[in-house]
Amino acid sequence: MLISMETVTINAEKWNELLLKIDRIIAFVEQLAERLPADDNTWLNDKEVCDYLKISSRTLQRLRKKGDISFSTIAKKHFYKASEIKELMEKKSVKSNKEQLEALRNLHRKRFLS
């Protein structure tokens, strides 16, 4: 398998803008995690799930129909376990960690700020 590497050069200002955007994404994801109940056995209604995920009720309906999220129905109302929502978020997330992001920042500092 042949792997080629391409070097991309951007100016320091654009790099700093990118780092700021990454930091905002991290903060947003951390905020989402804080808004869900700590107890994974808590049941949430449609509105709570839509608010948390910032999706429409139609999108939530699609997730149910596709089987991406499990739910219970009582008196024509849908309820979702907080653990299921967390599982969905984890399944759909792009994997990264703080160490990788810090390594990226350090590389930037080493190249552009020294």
C-alpha atoms as a PDB file:
ATOM      1  CA  MET A   1       0.000   0.000   0.000  1.00  0.00           C
ATOM      2  CA  LEU A   2       1.433   3.320  -1.059  1.00  0.00           C
ATOM      3  CA  ILE A   3       0.753   6.241   1.250  1.00  0.00           C
ATOM      4  CA  SER A   4       1.674   9.727   0.185  1.00  0.00           C
ATOM      5  CA  MET A   5       1.946  12.654   2.532  1.00  0.00           C
ATOM      6  CA  GLU A   6       1.157  16.137   1.474  1.00  0.00           C
ATOM      7  CA  THR A   7       2.282  19.169   3.415  1.00  0.00           C
ATOM      8  CA  VAL A   8      -0.207  21.983   3.719  1.00  0.00           C
ATOM      9  CA  THR A   9       1.005  25.384   4.839  1.00  0.00           C
ATOM     10  CA  ILE A  10      -1.268  28.001   6.358  1.00  0.00           C
ATOM     11  CA  ASN A  11      -0.425  31.285   7.991  1.00  0.00           C
ATOM     12  CA  ALA A  12      -0.379  31.626  11.763  1.00  0.00           C
ATOM     13  CA  GLU A  13      -3.556  33.712  11.864  1.00  0.00           C
ATOM     14  CA  LYS A  14      -5.584  31.053  10.034  1.00  0.00           C
ATOM     15  CA  TRP A  15      -4.046  28.327  12.212  1.00  0.00           C
ATOM     16  CA  ASN A  16      -5.078  30.206  15.359  1.00  0.00           C
ATOM     17  CA  GLU A  17      -8.609  30.597  13.965  1.00  0.00           C
ATOM     18  CA  LEU A  18      -8.725  26.833  13.393  1.00  0.00           C
ATOM     19  CA  LEU A  19      -7.554  26.160  16.950  1.00  0.00           C
ATOM     20  CA  LEU A  20     -10.244  28.492  18.295  1.00  0.00           C
ATOM     21  CA  LYS A  21     -12.886  26.635  16.311  1.00  0.00           C
ATOM     22  CA  ILE A  22     -11.643  23.306  17.673  1.00  0.00           C
ATOM     23  CA  ASP A  23     -11.809  24.716  21.210  1.00  0.00           C
ATOM     24  CA  ARG A  24     -15.396  25.877  20.594  1.00  0.00           C
ATOM     25  CA  ILE A  25     -16.370  22.426  19.344  1.00  0.00           C
ATOM     26  CA  ILE A  26     -14.864  20.823  22.439  1.00  0.00           C
ATOM     27  CA  ALA A  27     -16.725  23.263  24.705  1.00  0.00           C
ATOM     28  CA  PHE A  28     -19.990  22.602  22.843  1.00  0.00           C
ATOM     29  CA  VAL A  29     -19.653  18.832  23.209  1.00  0.00           C
ATOM     30  CA  GLU A  30     -18.802  19.181  26.906  1.00  0.00           C
ATOM     31  CA  GLN A  31     -21.886  21.390  27.389  1.00  0.00           C
ATOM     32  CA  LEU A  32     -24.066  18.759  25.734  1.00  0.00           C
ATOM     33  CA  ALA A  33     -22.756  16.106  28.080  1.00  0.00           C
ATOM     34  CA  GLU A  34     -23.551  18.295  31.095  1.00  0.00           C
ATOM     35  CA  ARG A  35     -27.153  18.882  29.988  1.00  0.00           C
ATOM     36  CA  LEU A  36     -28.108  15.206  30.045  1.00  0.00           C
ATOM     37  CA  PRO A  37     -29.237  13.783  33.384  1.00  0.00           C
ATOM     38  CA  ALA A  38     -26.502  12.045  35.353  1.00  0.00           C
ATOM     39  CA  ASP A  39     -28.810   9.077  35.904  1.00  0.00           C
ATOM     40  CA  ASP A  40     -28.816   6.983  32.732  1.00  0.00           C
ATOM     41  CA  ASN A  41     -32.146   5.446  33.701  1.00  0.00           C
ATOM     42  CA  THR A  42     -33.948   8.774  33.380  1.00  0.00           C
ATOM     43  CA  TRP A  43     -36.619   8.840  30.669  1.00  0.00           C
ATOM     44  CA  LEU A  44     -36.799  11.878  28.367  1.00  0.00           C
ATOM     45  CA  ASN A  45     -39.684  13.004  26.160  1.00  0.00           C
ATOM     46  CA  ASP A  46     -39.525  14.106  22.509  1.00  0.00           C
ATOM     47  CA  LYS A  47     -39.045  17.793  23.318  1.00  0.00           C
ATOM     48  CA  GLU A  48     -36.207  17.150  25.776  1.00  0.00           C
ATOM     49  CA  VAL A  49     -34.378  14.948  23.269  1.00  0.00           C
ATOM     50  CA  CYS A  50     -34.885  17.435  20.415  1.00  0.00           C
ATOM     51  CA  ASP A  51     -33.651  20.305  22.587  1.00  0.00           C
ATOM     52  CA  TYR A  52     -30.624  18.347  23.737  1.00  0.00           C
ATOM     53  CA  LEU A  53     -29.632  17.165  20.260  1.00  0.00           C
ATOM     54  CA  LYS A  54     -30.725  20.440  18.599  1.00  0.00           C
ATOM     55  CA  ILE A  55     -32.773  18.529  16.044  1.00  0.00           C
ATOM     56  CA  SER A  56     -36.347  18.790  14.794  1.00  0.00           C
ATOM     57  CA  SER A  57     -39.104  16.410  15.792  1.00  0.00           C
ATOM     58  CA  ARG A  58     -39.047  15.128  12.197  1.00  0.00           C
ATOM     59  CA  THR A  59     -35.355  14.239  12.497  1.00  0.00           C
ATOM     60  CA  LEU A  60     -36.084  12.450  15.758  1.00  0.00           C
ATOM     61  CA  GLN A  61     -38.862  10.553  13.994  1.00  0.00           C
ATOM     62  CA  ARG A  62     -36.363   9.504  11.288  1.00  0.00           C
ATOM     63  CA  LEU A  63     -33.947   8.257  13.953  1.00  0.00           C
ATOM     64  CA  ARG A  64     -36.736   6.150  15.465  1.00  0.00           C
ATOM     65  CA  LYS A  65     -37.798   4.801  12.067  1.00  0.00           C
ATOM     66  CA  LYS A  66     -34.217   3.883  11.078  1.00  0.00           C
ATOM     67  CA  GLY A  67     -33.768   2.134  14.410  1.00  0.00           C
ATOM     68  CA  ASP A  68     -30.883   4.414  15.407  1.00  0.00           C
ATOM     69  CA  ILE A  69     -32.537   5.102  18.741  1.00  0.00           C
ATOM     70  CA  SER A  70     -34.762   2.934  20.885  1.00  0.00           C
ATOM     71  CA  PHE A  71     -37.835   4.308  22.592  1.00  0.00           C
ATOM     72  CA  SER A  72     -41.021   3.423  24.434  1.00  0.00           C
ATOM     73  CA  THR A  73     -44.487   4.639  23.537  1.00  0.00           C
ATOM     74  CA  ILE A  74     -47.171   5.331  26.124  1.00  0.00           C
ATOM     75  CA  ALA A  75     -50.438   6.994  25.132  1.00  0.00           C
ATOM     76  CA  LYS A  76     -48.985   8.046  21.760  1.00  0.00           C
ATOM     77  CA  LYS A  77     -46.041   9.765  23.457  1.00  0.00           C
ATOM     78  CA  HIS A  78     -42.460   8.639  22.938  1.00  0.00           C
ATOM     79  CA  PHE A  79     -39.913   8.341  25.725  1.00  0.00           C
ATOM     80  CA  TYR A  80     -36.173   7.706  25.501  1.00  0.00           C
ATOM     81  CA  LYS A  81     -33.642   6.588  28.083  1.00  0.00           C
ATOM     82  CA  ALA A  82     -30.849   9.085  28.690  1.00  0.00           C
ATOM     83  CA  SER A  83     -28.409   6.193  28.254  1.00  0.00           C
ATOM     84  CA  GLU A  84     -29.750   5.608  24.725  1.00  0.00           C
ATOM     85  CA  ILE A  85     -29.178   9.242  23.816  1.00  0.00           C
ATOM     86  CA  LYS A  86     -25.636   9.094  25.192  1.00  0.00           C
ATOM     87  CA  GLU A  87     -25.035   5.874  23.270  1.00  0.00           C
ATOM     88  CA  LEU A  88     -26.284   7.481  20.043  1.00  0.00           C
ATOM     89  CA  MET A  89     -23.980  10.462  20.559  1.00  0.00           C
ATOM     90  CA  GLU A  90     -21.037   8.160  21.232  1.00  0.00           C
ATOM     91  CA  LYS A  91     -21.795   6.012  18.190  1.00  0.00           C
ATOM     92  CA  LYS A  92     -21.984   9.046  15.890  1.00  0.00           C
ATOM     93  CA  SER A  93     -19.058  10.953  17.389  1.00  0.00           C
ATOM     94  CA  VAL A  94     -15.739  11.588  15.718  1.00  0.00           C
ATOM     95  CA  LYS A  95     -13.108  10.055  17.932  1.00  0.00           C
ATOM     96  CA  SER A  96     -10.482  12.344  19.364  1.00  0.00           C
ATOM     97  CA  ASN A  97      -9.125  13.097  22.790  1.00  0.00           C
ATOM     98  CA  LYS A  98      -7.610  15.964  24.699  1.00  0.00           C
ATOM     99  CA  GLU A  99      -4.097  14.555  24.372  1.00  0.00           C
ATOM    100  CA  GLN A 100      -4.326  14.569  20.568  1.00  0.00           C
ATOM    101  CA  LEU A 101      -5.643  18.127  20.535  1.00  0.00           C
ATOM    102  CA  GLU A 102      -2.931  19.273  22.940  1.00  0.00           C
ATOM    103  CA  ALA A 103      -0.289  17.609  20.751  1.00  0.00           C
ATOM    104  CA  LEU A 104      -1.689  19.515  17.773  1.00  0.00           C
ATOM    105  CA  ARG A 105      -1.513  22.791  19.703  1.00  0.00           C
ATOM    106  CA  ASN A 106       2.058  22.071  20.823  1.00  0.00           C
ATOM    107  CA  LEU A 107       3.082  21.302  17.258  1.00  0.00           C
ATOM    108  CA  HIS A 108       1.629  24.632  16.182  1.00  0.00           C
ATOM    109  CA  ARG A 109       3.447  26.505  18.930  1.00  0.00           C
ATOM    110  CA  LYS A 110       6.696  24.763  18.073  1.00  0.00           C
ATOM    111  CA  ARG A 111       6.452  25.580  14.350  1.00  0.00           C
ATOM    112  CA  PHE A 112       4.967  29.049  14.346  1.00  0.00           C
ATOM    113  CA  LEU A 113       5.708  30.678  17.650  1.00  0.00           C
ATOM    114  CA  SER A 114       9.374  29.843  18.185  1.00  0.00           C
END
